């Protein structure tokens, strides 16, 4: 599945970390964050880290990147979002 196809899905077709990323893509950071907080494991922590970095809370983001076992991301948030989505879709 491509990023464009992912973005065109309906919310009901997704769950977990991918659902949080979908809501972020739709511009609803709050909903994305609410969902990400409830996703256990490394994927939930990764999305949680991304969301906090996007909002500018770098300290909180750094914590969640460590929990996820990831390096703190740099660069543009859209590129990071696409990379996370691509990595998670590759496992589906």
C-alpha atoms as a PDB file:
ATOM      1  CA  UNK A   1       0.000   0.000   0.000  1.00  0.00           C
ATOM      2  CA  UNK A   2       1.275   3.465  -0.849  1.00  0.00           C
ATOM      3  CA  UNK A   3       1.178   6.529   1.393  1.00  0.00           C
ATOM      4  CA  UNK A   4      -1.533   7.988  -0.858  1.00  0.00           C
ATOM      5  CA  UNK A   5      -3.635   4.826  -0.546  1.00  0.00           C
ATOM      6  CA  UNK A   6      -3.120   4.854   3.225  1.00  0.00           C
ATOM      7  CA  UNK A   7      -4.277   8.464   3.470  1.00  0.00           C
ATOM      8  CA  UNK A   8      -7.396   7.633   1.443  1.00  0.00           C
ATOM      9  CA  UNK A   9      -8.519   4.876   3.823  1.00  0.00           C
ATOM     10  CA  UNK A  10     -11.391   5.313   6.244  1.00  0.00           C
ATOM     11  CA  UNK A  11     -10.637   5.421   9.981  1.00  0.00           C
ATOM     12  CA  UNK A  12     -12.675   2.255  10.543  1.00  0.00           C
ATOM     13  CA  UNK A  13     -10.180   0.336   8.374  1.00  0.00           C
ATOM     14  CA  UNK A  14      -7.302   1.023  10.768  1.00  0.00           C
ATOM     15  CA  UNK A  15      -6.296   0.402  14.360  1.00  0.00           C
ATOM     16  CA  UNK A  16      -3.516   1.162  16.779  1.00  0.00           C
ATOM     17  CA  UNK A  17      -0.461   3.141  15.752  1.00  0.00           C
ATOM     18  CA  UNK A  18      -1.555   3.365  12.120  1.00  0.00           C
ATOM     19  CA  UNK A  19      -4.895   4.833  13.180  1.00  0.00           C
ATOM     20  CA  UNK A  20      -3.068   7.460  15.239  1.00  0.00           C
ATOM     21  CA  UNK A  21      -0.912   8.345  12.226  1.00  0.00           C
ATOM     22  CA  UNK A  22      -4.026   8.517  10.027  1.00  0.00           C
ATOM     23  CA  UNK A  23      -5.658  11.021  12.395  1.00  0.00           C
ATOM     24  CA  UNK A  24      -2.477  13.074  12.450  1.00  0.00           C
ATOM     25  CA  UNK A  25      -2.555  13.172   8.663  1.00  0.00           C
ATOM     26  CA  UNK A  26      -6.115  14.480   8.855  1.00  0.00           C
ATOM     27  CA  UNK A  27      -4.951  17.345  11.076  1.00  0.00           C
ATOM     28  CA  UNK A  28      -6.314  16.028  14.381  1.00  0.00           C
ATOM     29  CA  UNK A  29      -3.199  15.934  16.594  1.00  0.00           C
ATOM     30  CA  UNK A  30      -5.278  15.526  19.759  1.00  0.00           C
ATOM     31  CA  UNK A  31      -7.093  12.432  18.479  1.00  0.00           C
ATOM     32  CA  UNK A  32      -3.806  11.003  17.175  1.00  0.00           C
ATOM     33  CA  UNK A  33      -2.153  11.570  20.556  1.00  0.00           C
ATOM     34  CA  UNK A  34      -5.083  10.073  22.454  1.00  0.00           C
ATOM     35  CA  UNK A  35      -4.835   6.898  20.366  1.00  0.00           C
ATOM     36  CA  UNK A  36      -1.029   6.703  20.469  1.00  0.00           C
ATOM     37  CA  UNK A  37      -1.068   6.857  24.278  1.00  0.00           C
ATOM     38  CA  UNK A  38      -3.149   3.676  24.316  1.00  0.00           C
ATOM     39  CA  UNK A  39      -0.923   1.693  21.922  1.00  0.00           C
ATOM     40  CA  UNK A  40       1.402  -0.577  23.874  1.00  0.00           C
ATOM     41  CA  UNK A  41       4.915  -1.387  22.786  1.00  0.00           C
ATOM     42  CA  UNK A  42       7.517   0.153  20.531  1.00  0.00           C
ATOM     43  CA  UNK A  43       5.113   1.227  17.769  1.00  0.00           C
ATOM     44  CA  UNK A  44       2.958   3.220  20.163  1.00  0.00           C
ATOM     45  CA  UNK A  45       6.061   4.826  21.669  1.00  0.00           C
ATOM     46  CA  UNK A  46       7.426   5.666  18.210  1.00  0.00           C
ATOM     47  CA  UNK A  47       4.222   7.410  17.138  1.00  0.00           C
ATOM     48  CA  UNK A  48       3.989   9.103  20.528  1.00  0.00           C
ATOM     49  CA  UNK A  49       7.560  10.393  20.083  1.00  0.00           C
ATOM     50  CA  UNK A  50       6.802  11.676  16.585  1.00  0.00           C
ATOM     51  CA  UNK A  51       3.689  13.497  17.799  1.00  0.00           C
ATOM     52  CA  UNK A  52       5.527  15.229  20.637  1.00  0.00           C
ATOM     53  CA  UNK A  53       8.376  16.235  18.327  1.00  0.00           C
ATOM     54  CA  UNK A  54       5.829  17.629  15.885  1.00  0.00           C
ATOM     55  CA  UNK A  55       4.219  19.714  18.628  1.00  0.00           C
ATOM     56  CA  UNK A  56       7.638  21.028  19.667  1.00  0.00           C
ATOM     57  CA  UNK A  57       7.964  19.162  22.977  1.00  0.00           C
ATOM     58  CA  UNK A  58      11.467  17.831  22.253  1.00  0.00           C
ATOM     59  CA  UNK A  59      12.178  16.659  25.806  1.00  0.00           C
ATOM     60  CA  UNK A  60       9.068  14.510  25.938  1.00  0.00           C
ATOM     61  CA  UNK A  61       9.719  13.310  22.391  1.00  0.00           C
ATOM     62  CA  UNK A  62      13.266  12.259  23.322  1.00  0.00           C
ATOM     63  CA  UNK A  63      11.887  10.138  26.162  1.00  0.00           C
ATOM     64  CA  UNK A  64       9.436   8.349  23.850  1.00  0.00           C
ATOM     65  CA  UNK A  65      12.090   7.776  21.180  1.00  0.00           C
ATOM     66  CA  UNK A  66      14.181   6.018  23.871  1.00  0.00           C
ATOM     67  CA  UNK A  67      11.186   3.901  24.891  1.00  0.00           C
ATOM     68  CA  UNK A  68      10.669   3.010  21.224  1.00  0.00           C
ATOM     69  CA  UNK A  69      14.335   2.096  20.806  1.00  0.00           C
ATOM     70  CA  UNK A  70      14.758   4.772  18.122  1.00  0.00           C
ATOM     71  CA  UNK A  71      17.102   7.660  17.570  1.00  0.00           C
ATOM     72  CA  UNK A  72      15.581  11.096  17.968  1.00  0.00           C
ATOM     73  CA  UNK A  73      14.387  12.125  14.526  1.00  0.00           C
ATOM     74  CA  UNK A  74      15.625  15.215  12.778  1.00  0.00           C
ATOM     75  CA  UNK A  75      14.416  16.942   9.674  1.00  0.00           C
ATOM     76  CA  UNK A  76      10.944  17.587   8.498  1.00  0.00           C
ATOM     77  CA  UNK A  77       8.013  16.004  10.318  1.00  0.00           C
ATOM     78  CA  UNK A  78       6.211  15.001   7.118  1.00  0.00           C
ATOM     79  CA  UNK A  79       9.197  12.917   6.029  1.00  0.00           C
ATOM     80  CA  UNK A  80       9.265  11.284   9.440  1.00  0.00           C
ATOM     81  CA  UNK A  81       5.518  10.598   9.275  1.00  0.00           C
ATOM     82  CA  UNK A  82       5.899   8.977   5.845  1.00  0.00           C
ATOM     83  CA  UNK A  83       8.811   6.867   7.084  1.00  0.00           C
ATOM     84  CA  UNK A  84       6.870   5.606  10.097  1.00  0.00           C
ATOM     85  CA  UNK A  85       3.801   4.819   7.998  1.00  0.00           C
ATOM     86  CA  UNK A  86       5.904   3.017   5.370  1.00  0.00           C
ATOM     87  CA  UNK A  87       7.711   0.956   8.009  1.00  0.00           C
ATOM     88  CA  UNK A  88       4.469  -0.090   9.691  1.00  0.00           C
ATOM     89  CA  UNK A  89       2.669  -0.838   6.452  1.00  0.00           C
ATOM     90  CA  UNK A  90       5.578  -3.012   5.323  1.00  0.00           C
ATOM     91  CA  UNK A  91       4.832  -5.274   8.307  1.00  0.00           C
ATOM     92  CA  UNK A  92       1.116  -5.554   7.544  1.00  0.00           C
END
